[in-house]
Amino acid sequence: MNNPVVAQPPSSRQTQEPEDADQVIVQTDFGIGVVVRTRKSDGIKEIRLRDVKSSTSSPAFRRREPNMLYTPKDYPSVPPSIGDDVMCEYGRGVLKEIADDKYTIELASWRLSGRSNVTCHVTTAPKVVRKHTLAEMDSAEKVALAKSQKGQAAKYFAEKDYSGALNAYASAVDKVRNVQHDHTSSNEVRADLVVIMITCSNNAATCCIKLSKWEEASKFAKNALIMLDALYGKRGLKIHTILNKEGIIDAKLFGEWRVKSYLVVARACMEQGEVDDAIAILKKAKGLGMTYIDEFSSSDECSRKEEKASLRALTSQMKEIKRLITEYSEKNRVAKKIEKKKAKAMAKALFGGGDGKENATPDKANKGKDRESSETKQPVLQGKDDQLKASQGQSCASRGGTKKAPFKRKSSLRNKLDREYASVAQSVSFSDQPPQIKEFERTRDGDNDEDETPWQKHKEALILMGIAGFSVLTIIGLRRAYR
């Protein structure tokens, strides 16, 4: 019996040999491991152990990463199960069924035109191999992996596990995001990649709406719109033709799927406060959907079941769009009304209003107070004459019983004093403000204004006329000089 050597370091020449393309999973004396490399020089197998038995799992052994086993012994493969990647005499594939010691394998190494798959049936147990990492997969394997994750995401969504569905849909998109096509990539594989990118992006956006992740929802929906716009620009080419033949008609591609993306973007805009943008997007989606509905209505009837399904889906989407437009328009109207009221209140607080004494400016309030004080205080000056006239009138009435005009002494000095007193009483103001005192002084010296000369009265007009005349003379002089 050959005794294996545990954790034996390879030589520098041995490390240069490439790893095995198909790494078999084997059952060793120390646990399950993966045959990483088989040396061509000496036939030694380098096995990376996944788990180590307790007899050799000392602390010093566990600290070595990775745990390697070097041995010339051929260990048997682990028993295969359905879904494992296996190797048989016809190549590599996926084990689909085990029945009566017969193994049904769908070969991945065989590629036929179209979507045909090669299946083989063997009686010898195949060897289980390690699954390829994402970097090791070709485009077909990546698309197949994305399809499986999409199916798992649909189960999560049906169970209302929106977080799990979002992770699965996003993972499916990431698997095919950076696929590099080569000569082995068929047109069917490329068509499947486009469908996965669009549908998984839209479904991930729907999950984000359920989880109130509006910004992420908008990003996923816009990613789907980018793919649809690119495909719309290549209508009639191979990928578009393949999708139409397989039942994905234009009404579904550019109508139903695109309207779904627009709905998500509109809802995200509404939640982020962009009401006008949301309404504009909804109107655009409505026009797009009605285009395909009118096409179906113009024809006699939808003959294909795909057309009927798309018509039902588009009709349902149009009802949803109509409801959202009505709801968002009402919210926009109410929001603008509230903003208008706030703006009015702010303007009133800053600049004041003109509908009451409370909103009066300080200057107007002061003038009002001065007017009231002058009206209340002026009768005090005129009270003496009024009392004198009233007493004279009462004495005359008591004597004769008939009213007689009060006796007035015709004295020029008295009349002059009365006139001056009346002018002073009318112009004087009891406000403490200096401008009104100046006004009183101006009324006392008003006779001096009549002595102003014509030059003082029309000084500005004369200056302007002089400037105009000087300008005309300058222009005439310049014209003569240039002649």
Protein backbone atom coordinates (compact mmCIF):
# COMPACT_ATOMS: atom_id res chain seq x y z
CA MET A 1 0.00 0.00 0.00
CA ASN A 2 1.30 3.40 -0.93
CA ASN A 3 1.42 5.73 2.03
CA PRO A 4 0.39 9.29 1.06
CA VAL A 5 2.40 12.26 2.18
CA VAL A 6 0.39 15.04 3.79
CA ALA A 7 1.22 18.66 3.01
CA GLN A 8 4.39 17.88 1.08
CA PRO A 9 5.55 21.09 -0.64
CA PRO A 10 6.00 20.68 -4.41
CA SER A 11 9.16 21.65 -6.20
CA SER A 12 9.39 24.82 -8.26
CA ARG A 13 9.25 22.83 -11.53
CA GLN A 14 6.09 21.07 -10.47
CA THR A 15 4.26 24.27 -9.67
CA GLN A 16 4.57 25.39 -13.29
CA GLU A 17 2.33 22.57 -14.53
CA PRO A 18 -1.25 23.66 -15.24
CA GLU A 19 -4.18 22.53 -13.20
CA ASP A 20 -6.55 19.87 -14.49
CA ALA A 21 -9.38 21.22 -16.61
CA ASP A 22 -11.87 18.81 -15.01
CA GLN A 23 -11.05 18.39 -11.34
CA VAL A 24 -12.51 15.18 -9.93
CA ILE A 25 -13.95 15.10 -6.40
CA VAL A 26 -12.59 12.00 -4.62
CA GLN A 27 -12.98 10.23 -1.30
CA THR A 28 -9.55 9.90 0.40
CA ASP A 29 -8.39 8.34 3.65
CA PHE A 30 -8.35 11.86 5.13
CA GLY A 31 -11.72 13.08 3.82
CA ILE A 32 -13.21 14.46 0.60
CA GLY A 33 -10.86 16.33 -1.66
CA VAL A 34 -10.48 17.75 -5.15
CA VAL A 35 -7.73 16.56 -7.50
CA VAL A 36 -6.25 19.91 -8.47
CA ARG A 37 -3.32 18.68 -10.57
CA THR A 38 -1.87 15.40 -11.82
CA ARG A 39 1.86 15.67 -12.44
CA LYS A 40 2.93 14.29 -15.76
CA SER A 41 6.51 13.80 -14.63
CA ASP A 42 5.93 11.40 -11.73
CA GLY A 43 2.17 10.78 -11.69
CA ILE A 44 1.69 12.36 -8.24
CA LYS A 45 -1.78 13.76 -7.64
CA GLU A 46 -2.19 17.03 -5.74
CA ILE A 47 -5.44 16.84 -3.79
CA ARG A 48 -6.91 19.80 -1.92
CA LEU A 49 -8.79 18.41 1.05
CA ARG A 50 -12.20 19.88 1.83
CA ASP A 51 -12.52 18.21 5.22
CA VAL A 52 -9.94 16.33 7.31
CA LYS A 53 -10.57 13.38 9.63
CA SER A 54 -10.00 13.79 13.34
CA SER A 55 -6.94 11.51 13.35
CA THR A 56 -4.94 14.09 11.41
CA SER A 57 -6.73 17.29 12.39
CA SER A 58 -4.16 18.58 14.83
CA PRO A 59 -3.95 22.38 15.38
CA ALA A 60 -0.68 22.51 13.46
CA PHE A 61 -2.26 20.65 10.52
CA ARG A 62 -5.34 22.89 10.44
CA ARG A 63 -3.26 26.03 10.30
CA ARG A 64 -1.88 25.07 6.90
CA GLU A 65 -4.07 26.58 4.18
CA PRO A 66 -4.95 24.97 1.91
CA ASN A 67 -4.68 21.38 3.22
CA MET A 68 -2.93 19.49 0.46
CA LEU A 69 -2.44 15.78 -0.06
CA TYR A 70 0.24 14.45 -2.45
CA THR A 71 -0.13 10.80 -3.46
CA PRO A 72 0.20 8.48 -6.47
CA LYS A 73 -2.89 6.55 -5.39
CA ASP A 74 -6.10 6.72 -7.46
CA TYR A 75 -8.89 7.41 -5.04
CA PRO A 76 -12.48 6.69 -6.13
CA SER A 77 -14.92 9.46 -6.98
CA VAL A 78 -17.69 10.34 -4.58
CA PRO A 79 -21.14 8.90 -5.45
CA PRO A 80 -22.93 11.07 -8.04
CA SER A 81 -26.28 12.72 -7.42
CA ILE A 82 -28.77 14.51 -9.67
CA GLY A 83 -27.57 17.98 -10.64
CA ASP A 84 -23.86 17.25 -10.23
CA ASP A 85 -21.35 18.06 -12.93
CA VAL A 86 -19.95 14.73 -14.08
CA MET A 87 -17.46 13.29 -16.52
CA CYS A 88 -18.30 10.25 -18.61
CA GLU A 89 -16.73 8.59 -21.62
CA TYR A 90 -18.58 11.00 -23.94
CA GLY A 91 -17.53 14.19 -22.23
CA ARG A 92 -18.63 16.58 -19.51
CA GLY A 93 -22.23 17.24 -18.62
CA VAL A 94 -24.90 17.49 -15.96
CA LEU A 95 -26.50 14.41 -14.40
CA LYS A 96 -30.24 14.61 -15.01
CA GLU A 97 -31.58 11.21 -13.93
CA ILE A 98 -30.59 7.97 -12.17
CA ALA A 99 -32.80 4.91 -12.74
CA ASP A 100 -31.95 1.19 -12.53
CA ASP A 101 -28.19 1.80 -12.54
CA LYS A 102 -28.57 3.95 -15.63
CA TYR A 103 -27.35 7.50 -15.65
CA THR A 104 -28.86 10.12 -17.95
CA ILE A 105 -26.40 12.91 -18.68
CA GLU A 106 -27.01 16.12 -20.64
CA LEU A 107 -23.71 16.85 -22.31
CA ALA A 108 -22.44 20.40 -22.16
CA SER A 109 -19.35 19.77 -24.24
CA TRP A 110 -21.47 18.95 -27.29
CA ARG A 111 -23.01 21.95 -29.10
CA LEU A 112 -25.51 21.63 -31.94
CA SER A 113 -27.19 24.31 -33.98
CA GLY A 114 -30.22 26.00 -32.51
CA ARG A 115 -31.30 24.88 -29.07
CA SER A 116 -30.76 21.15 -29.48
CA ASN A 117 -29.19 19.34 -26.53
CA VAL A 118 -27.28 16.06 -26.60
CA THR A 119 -28.28 13.50 -23.99
CA CYS A 120 -26.52 10.20 -23.34
CA HIS A 121 -27.32 7.18 -21.16
CA VAL A 122 -24.51 5.27 -19.49
CA THR A 123 -24.42 2.31 -17.09
CA THR A 124 -21.00 3.07 -15.59
CA ALA A 125 -21.10 5.55 -12.71
CA PRO A 126 -19.63 8.84 -13.92
CA LYS A 127 -17.00 10.77 -11.98
CA VAL A 128 -18.18 13.83 -10.13
CA VAL A 129 -16.17 16.95 -11.01
CA ARG A 130 -15.94 20.37 -9.45
CA LYS A 131 -18.31 22.97 -10.87
CA HIS A 132 -16.72 25.74 -12.87
CA THR A 133 -16.29 29.12 -11.27
CA LEU A 134 -17.85 32.14 -12.98
CA ALA A 135 -14.48 33.09 -14.48
CA GLU A 136 -14.08 29.56 -15.94
CA MET A 137 -17.55 29.46 -17.53
CA ASP A 138 -18.20 30.19 -21.16
CA SER A 139 -21.14 32.31 -22.30
CA ALA A 140 -23.54 29.34 -22.58
CA GLU A 141 -22.77 28.18 -19.03
CA LYS A 142 -23.25 31.69 -17.65
CA VAL A 143 -26.62 32.03 -19.37
CA ALA A 144 -27.67 28.62 -18.06
CA LEU A 145 -26.65 29.61 -14.52
CA ALA A 146 -28.56 32.89 -14.80
CA LYS A 147 -31.66 30.98 -15.95
CA SER A 148 -31.52 28.72 -12.91
CA GLN A 149 -31.18 31.72 -10.58
CA LYS A 150 -34.09 33.43 -12.32
CA GLY A 151 -36.26 30.38 -11.64
CA GLN A 152 -35.23 30.41 -7.99
CA ALA A 153 -36.03 34.12 -7.75
CA ALA A 154 -39.54 33.49 -9.14
CA LYS A 155 -40.15 31.01 -6.30
CA TYR A 156 -39.04 33.59 -3.74
CA PHE A 157 -41.35 36.20 -5.26
CA ALA A 158 -44.31 33.82 -5.22
CA GLU A 159 -43.65 33.24 -1.51
CA LYS A 160 -43.52 37.06 -1.00
CA ASP A 161 -39.88 36.83 0.02
CA TYR A 162 -39.05 40.03 -1.86
CA SER A 163 -35.60 40.41 -0.35
CA GLY A 164 -34.55 36.91 -1.44
CA ALA A 165 -36.11 37.44 -4.87
CA LEU A 166 -34.24 40.74 -5.28
CA ASN A 167 -30.91 39.11 -4.44
CA ALA A 168 -31.55 36.24 -6.88
CA TYR A 169 -32.64 38.51 -9.74
CA ALA A 170 -29.68 40.84 -9.17
CA SER A 171 -27.30 37.87 -9.07
CA ALA A 172 -28.71 36.59 -12.38
CA VAL A 173 -28.10 40.01 -13.96
CA ASP A 174 -24.53 40.09 -12.63
CA LYS A 175 -23.80 36.64 -14.05
CA VAL A 176 -24.43 37.75 -17.64
CA ARG A 177 -23.53 41.45 -17.36
CA ASN A 178 -19.95 41.10 -18.61
CA VAL A 179 -20.27 38.11 -20.91
CA GLN A 180 -17.60 38.06 -23.61
CA HIS A 181 -18.97 36.38 -26.72
CA ASP A 182 -16.74 34.35 -28.99
CA HIS A 183 -17.15 32.00 -31.94
CA THR A 184 -18.76 29.40 -29.68
CA SER A 185 -21.61 31.76 -28.70
CA SER A 186 -24.65 30.97 -30.82
CA ASN A 187 -27.34 33.49 -31.69
CA GLU A 188 -29.75 31.61 -29.45
CA VAL A 189 -27.41 32.09 -26.49
CA ARG A 190 -27.20 35.81 -27.24
CA ALA A 191 -30.99 36.05 -27.52
CA ASP A 192 -31.37 34.31 -24.16
CA LEU A 193 -28.88 36.72 -22.62
CA VAL A 194 -30.92 39.72 -23.81
CA VAL A 195 -34.14 38.26 -22.40
CA ILE A 196 -32.52 37.52 -19.04
CA MET A 197 -31.07 41.02 -18.77
CA ILE A 198 -34.42 42.69 -19.52
CA THR A 199 -36.75 40.47 -17.50
CA CYS A 200 -34.50 40.11 -14.47
CA SER A 201 -33.87 43.87 -14.37
CA ASN A 202 -37.60 44.63 -14.51
CA ASN A 203 -38.40 41.97 -11.90
CA ALA A 204 -35.63 43.24 -9.61
CA ALA A 205 -37.08 46.75 -9.95
CA THR A 206 -40.50 45.40 -8.95
CA CYS A 207 -38.95 43.81 -5.85
CA CYS A 208 -37.34 47.15 -4.99
CA ILE A 209 -40.77 48.84 -5.24
CA LYS A 210 -42.16 46.26 -2.80
CA LEU A 211 -39.26 47.02 -0.43
CA SER A 212 -39.55 50.83 -0.93
CA LYS A 213 -36.04 51.05 -2.40
CA TRP A 214 -36.94 53.71 -4.93
CA GLU A 215 -33.48 54.70 -6.14
CA GLU A 216 -32.43 51.08 -6.80
CA ALA A 217 -35.78 50.42 -8.51
CA SER A 218 -35.18 53.31 -10.89
CA LYS A 219 -31.67 52.03 -11.72
CA PHE A 220 -32.88 48.50 -12.54
CA ALA A 221 -35.76 49.80 -14.69
CA LYS A 222 -33.50 52.19 -16.60
CA ASN A 223 -31.07 49.30 -17.22
CA ALA A 224 -33.93 47.36 -18.84
CA LEU A 225 -34.86 50.40 -20.96
CA ILE A 226 -31.27 50.66 -22.21
CA MET A 227 -31.35 47.04 -23.37
CA LEU A 228 -34.74 47.51 -25.03
CA ASP A 229 -33.61 50.65 -26.85
CA ALA A 230 -30.52 48.84 -28.13
CA LEU A 231 -32.64 45.92 -29.34
CA TYR A 232 -35.17 48.28 -30.93
CA GLY A 233 -32.37 49.78 -33.01
CA LYS A 234 -31.54 46.29 -34.34
CA ARG A 235 -35.01 45.19 -35.39
CA GLY A 236 -35.04 42.69 -38.18
CA LEU A 237 -31.59 41.30 -37.38
CA LYS A 238 -30.80 37.79 -36.15
CA ILE A 239 -31.48 38.15 -32.42
CA HIS A 240 -34.73 40.04 -32.96
CA THR A 241 -35.86 37.48 -35.51
CA ILE A 242 -35.09 34.57 -33.16
CA LEU A 243 -37.11 36.19 -30.35
CA ASN A 244 -40.11 36.76 -32.65
CA LYS A 245 -40.01 33.15 -33.84
CA GLU A 246 -39.94 31.90 -30.25
CA GLY A 247 -43.10 33.83 -29.34
CA ILE A 248 -41.64 37.07 -27.93
CA ILE A 249 -43.41 39.48 -30.28
CA ASP A 250 -42.79 43.23 -30.61
CA ALA A 251 -45.90 44.07 -28.58
CA LYS A 252 -44.37 42.22 -25.66
CA LEU A 253 -40.79 43.36 -26.19
CA PHE A 254 -41.26 47.05 -26.97
CA GLY A 255 -44.76 47.47 -25.57
CA GLU A 256 -45.41 45.41 -22.45
CA TRP A 257 -41.84 45.20 -21.12
CA ARG A 258 -41.03 48.83 -21.87
CA VAL A 259 -44.26 50.12 -20.28
CA LYS A 260 -43.44 48.05 -17.19
CA SER A 261 -40.08 49.80 -16.93
CA TYR A 262 -41.70 53.23 -17.37
CA LEU A 263 -44.19 52.48 -14.60
CA VAL A 264 -41.39 51.66 -12.18
CA VAL A 265 -39.43 54.80 -13.08
CA ALA A 266 -42.56 56.97 -12.71
CA ARG A 267 -43.33 55.56 -9.26
CA ALA A 268 -39.73 56.11 -8.17
CA CYS A 269 -39.87 59.73 -9.40
CA MET A 270 -43.14 60.30 -7.54
CA GLU A 271 -41.75 58.96 -4.28
CA GLN A 272 -38.68 61.17 -4.66
CA GLY A 273 -40.84 64.30 -5.11
CA GLU A 274 -40.41 64.67 -8.90
CA VAL A 275 -44.14 64.85 -9.66
CA ASP A 276 -43.93 66.58 -13.05
CA ASP A 277 -41.36 64.05 -14.30
CA ALA A 278 -43.52 61.16 -13.10
CA ILE A 279 -46.58 62.47 -14.96
CA ALA A 280 -44.54 63.06 -18.15
CA ILE A 281 -43.17 59.48 -18.03
CA LEU A 282 -46.65 58.05 -17.50
CA LYS A 283 -48.00 59.96 -20.51
CA LYS A 284 -45.12 58.66 -22.61
CA ALA A 285 -45.85 55.09 -21.50
CA LYS A 286 -49.53 55.58 -22.25
CA GLY A 287 -48.82 56.71 -25.81
CA LEU A 288 -46.48 53.76 -26.33
CA GLY A 289 -48.99 51.19 -25.07
CA MET A 290 -51.88 52.66 -27.03
CA THR A 291 -49.83 52.34 -30.23
CA TYR A 292 -49.77 48.54 -29.97
CA ILE A 293 -53.37 48.35 -28.73
CA ASP A 294 -54.49 50.33 -31.78
CA GLU A 295 -52.55 47.94 -34.02
CA PHE A 296 -54.40 44.99 -32.54
CA SER A 297 -57.71 46.85 -32.83
CA SER A 298 -57.17 47.71 -36.49
CA SER A 299 -56.65 44.05 -37.41
CA ASP A 300 -59.56 41.63 -37.61
CA GLU A 301 -58.66 39.79 -34.43
CA CYS A 302 -55.62 38.51 -32.55
CA SER A 303 -54.94 35.16 -34.14
CA ARG A 304 -51.96 34.09 -32.02
CA LYS A 305 -52.15 33.40 -28.32
CA GLU A 306 -49.06 35.59 -27.79
CA GLU A 307 -50.91 38.55 -29.29
CA LYS A 308 -53.94 37.95 -27.07
CA ALA A 309 -51.75 37.73 -23.98
CA SER A 310 -49.94 40.95 -24.88
CA LEU A 311 -53.24 42.74 -25.55
CA ARG A 312 -54.58 41.74 -22.13
CA ALA A 313 -51.36 42.81 -20.41
CA LEU A 314 -51.24 46.17 -22.22
CA THR A 315 -54.91 46.87 -21.45
CA SER A 316 -54.28 46.23 -17.76
CA GLN A 317 -51.23 48.49 -17.85
CA MET A 318 -53.21 51.29 -19.49
CA LYS A 319 -55.78 51.15 -16.67
CA GLU A 320 -53.00 51.38 -14.11
CA ILE A 321 -51.41 54.32 -15.96
CA LYS A 322 -54.73 56.17 -16.12
CA ARG A 323 -55.24 55.70 -12.38
CA LEU A 324 -51.73 56.88 -11.57
CA ILE A 325 -52.01 59.97 -13.80
CA THR A 326 -55.24 60.98 -12.04
CA GLU A 327 -53.74 60.37 -8.61
CA TYR A 328 -50.47 62.16 -9.32
CA SER A 329 -52.20 65.12 -10.98
CA GLU A 330 -54.40 65.62 -7.94
CA LYS A 331 -51.41 65.40 -5.61
CA ASN A 332 -49.53 67.88 -7.79
CA ARG A 333 -52.46 70.31 -7.71
CA VAL A 334 -52.75 70.12 -3.93
CA ALA A 335 -48.98 70.48 -3.49
CA LYS A 336 -48.87 73.59 -5.70
CA LYS A 337 -51.81 75.10 -3.81
CA ILE A 338 -50.02 74.57 -0.50
CA GLU A 339 -46.82 76.08 -1.91
CA LYS A 340 -48.74 79.11 -3.13
CA LYS A 341 -50.25 79.65 0.32
CA LYS A 342 -46.85 79.33 1.94
CA ALA A 343 -45.38 81.85 -0.51
CA LYS A 344 -48.16 84.34 0.25
CA ALA A 345 -47.69 83.91 3.99
CA MET A 346 -43.95 84.42 3.65
CA ALA A 347 -44.40 87.54 1.52
CA LYS A 348 -46.89 88.95 4.02
CA ALA A 349 -44.49 88.25 6.87
CA LEU A 350 -41.56 89.89 5.08
CA PHE A 351 -43.18 92.88 3.35
CA GLY A 352 -46.53 93.29 5.10
CA GLY A 353 -50.03 93.46 3.61
CA GLY A 354 -52.30 96.39 2.65
CA ASP A 355 -55.57 95.24 4.23
CA GLY A 356 -55.50 96.68 7.76
CA LYS A 357 -53.79 98.74 10.41
CA GLU A 358 -51.80 95.71 11.55
CA ASN A 359 -50.03 95.46 8.21
CA ALA A 360 -49.34 99.20 7.87
CA THR A 361 -45.78 100.30 7.41
CA PRO A 362 -44.07 102.31 10.18
CA ASP A 363 -44.11 105.55 8.16
CA LYS A 364 -47.83 105.33 7.54
CA ALA A 365 -48.49 104.51 11.16
CA ASN A 366 -46.46 107.51 12.34
CA LYS A 367 -48.27 109.81 9.94
CA GLY A 368 -51.60 108.52 11.17
CA LYS A 369 -50.64 109.14 14.76
CA ASP A 370 -49.45 112.70 13.95
CA ARG A 371 -52.70 113.43 12.15
CA GLU A 372 -54.76 112.21 15.10
CA SER A 373 -52.69 114.24 17.58
CA SER A 374 -53.02 117.40 15.48
CA GLU A 375 -56.77 116.94 15.19
CA THR A 376 -57.13 116.48 18.92
CA LYS A 377 -54.81 119.35 19.89
CA GLN A 378 -55.86 122.00 17.37
CA PRO A 379 -59.17 122.75 19.12
CA VAL A 380 -57.19 123.71 22.21
CA LEU A 381 -55.79 126.74 20.36
CA GLN A 382 -59.09 127.67 18.84
CA GLY A 383 -61.06 127.08 22.02
CA LYS A 384 -60.76 130.62 23.33
CA ASP A 385 -62.46 132.23 20.30
CA ASP A 386 -65.13 129.56 20.21
CA GLN A 387 -65.94 130.06 23.90
CA LEU A 388 -66.03 133.85 23.43
CA LYS A 389 -68.41 133.61 20.45
CA ALA A 390 -70.61 131.09 22.24
CA SER A 391 -70.89 133.30 25.35
CA GLN A 392 -71.80 136.34 23.23
CA GLY A 393 -74.46 134.37 21.42
CA GLN A 394 -76.00 133.13 24.66
CA SER A 395 -76.11 136.66 26.16
CA CYS A 396 -77.90 138.05 23.10
CA ALA A 397 -80.45 135.25 23.15
CA SER A 398 -81.20 135.82 26.84
CA ARG A 399 -81.75 139.54 26.34
CA GLY A 400 -83.93 139.86 23.32
CA GLY A 401 -85.05 136.35 22.56
CA THR A 402 -84.02 136.84 18.92
CA LYS A 403 -80.70 135.94 17.46
CA LYS A 404 -78.41 138.81 16.64
CA ALA A 405 -75.01 138.71 15.07
CA PRO A 406 -72.24 139.23 17.59
CA PHE A 407 -70.68 142.66 17.71
CA LYS A 408 -67.36 142.82 15.90
CA ARG A 409 -65.04 145.75 16.27
CA LYS A 410 -63.87 146.94 12.90
CA SER A 411 -60.21 147.27 13.57
CA SER A 412 -57.58 146.57 10.95
CA LEU A 413 -55.13 145.58 13.64
CA ARG A 414 -57.62 143.07 15.05
CA ASN A 415 -58.33 141.59 11.62
CA LYS A 416 -54.65 141.23 10.87
CA LEU A 417 -54.03 139.45 14.18
CA ASP A 418 -56.97 137.11 13.51
CA ARG A 419 -55.63 136.16 10.09
CA GLU A 420 -52.17 135.45 11.42
CA TYR A 421 -53.60 133.44 14.31
CA ALA A 422 -55.75 131.36 11.94
CA SER A 423 -52.80 130.61 9.64
CA VAL A 424 -50.69 129.55 12.60
CA ALA A 425 -53.50 127.33 13.94
CA GLN A 426 -53.94 125.60 10.59
CA SER A 427 -50.26 124.92 9.91
CA VAL A 428 -48.90 124.12 13.35
CA SER A 429 -48.37 120.46 14.24
CA PHE A 430 -47.70 118.98 17.65
CA SER A 431 -45.54 116.16 16.34
CA ASP A 432 -41.96 115.99 17.56
CA GLN A 433 -40.64 115.34 14.05
CA PRO A 434 -38.35 118.11 12.68
CA PRO A 435 -39.73 118.05 9.08
CA GLN A 436 -43.14 119.40 10.19
CA ILE A 437 -41.50 122.24 12.16
CA LYS A 438 -39.64 123.16 8.97
CA GLU A 439 -42.96 123.17 7.14
CA PHE A 440 -44.32 125.71 9.62
CA GLU A 441 -41.29 127.93 9.14
CA ARG A 442 -41.72 127.68 5.39
CA THR A 443 -45.29 128.95 5.65
CA ARG A 444 -44.14 131.95 7.66
CA ASP A 445 -41.53 132.84 5.03
CA GLY A 446 -43.55 131.84 1.99
CA ASP A 447 -43.52 135.31 0.54
CA ASN A 448 -39.84 134.99 -0.33
CA ASP A 449 -40.58 132.28 -2.97
CA GLU A 450 -42.19 134.84 -5.22
CA ASP A 451 -38.89 136.71 -5.52
CA GLU A 452 -37.06 133.85 -7.31
CA THR A 453 -35.42 134.77 -10.62
CA PRO A 454 -36.26 132.94 -13.89
CA TRP A 455 -32.75 131.43 -13.84
CA GLN A 456 -33.51 129.76 -10.45
CA LYS A 457 -36.89 128.49 -11.59
CA HIS A 458 -35.67 126.96 -14.91
CA LYS A 459 -32.08 126.13 -14.03
CA GLU A 460 -32.23 122.45 -15.08
CA ALA A 461 -33.89 123.19 -18.43
CA LEU A 462 -31.33 125.84 -19.30
CA ILE A 463 -28.45 123.51 -18.46
CA LEU A 464 -29.88 120.78 -20.72
CA MET A 465 -30.38 123.26 -23.57
CA GLY A 466 -26.75 124.38 -23.23
CA ILE A 467 -25.49 120.78 -23.36
CA ALA A 468 -27.63 120.03 -26.43
CA GLY A 469 -26.36 123.14 -28.23
CA PHE A 470 -22.77 122.29 -27.47
CA SER A 471 -23.27 118.75 -28.84
CA VAL A 472 -24.76 120.08 -32.10
CA LEU A 473 -21.87 122.47 -32.60
CA THR A 474 -19.36 119.69 -31.94
CA ILE A 475 -20.96 117.41 -34.55
CA ILE A 476 -21.02 120.20 -37.16
CA GLY A 477 -17.39 120.96 -36.48
CA LEU A 478 -16.37 117.30 -36.86
CA ARG A 479 -18.21 117.00 -40.18
CA ARG A 480 -16.42 120.03 -41.59
CA ALA A 481 -13.07 118.73 -40.38
CA TYR A 482 -13.51 115.37 -42.14
CA ARG A 483 -14.58 117.01 -45.41
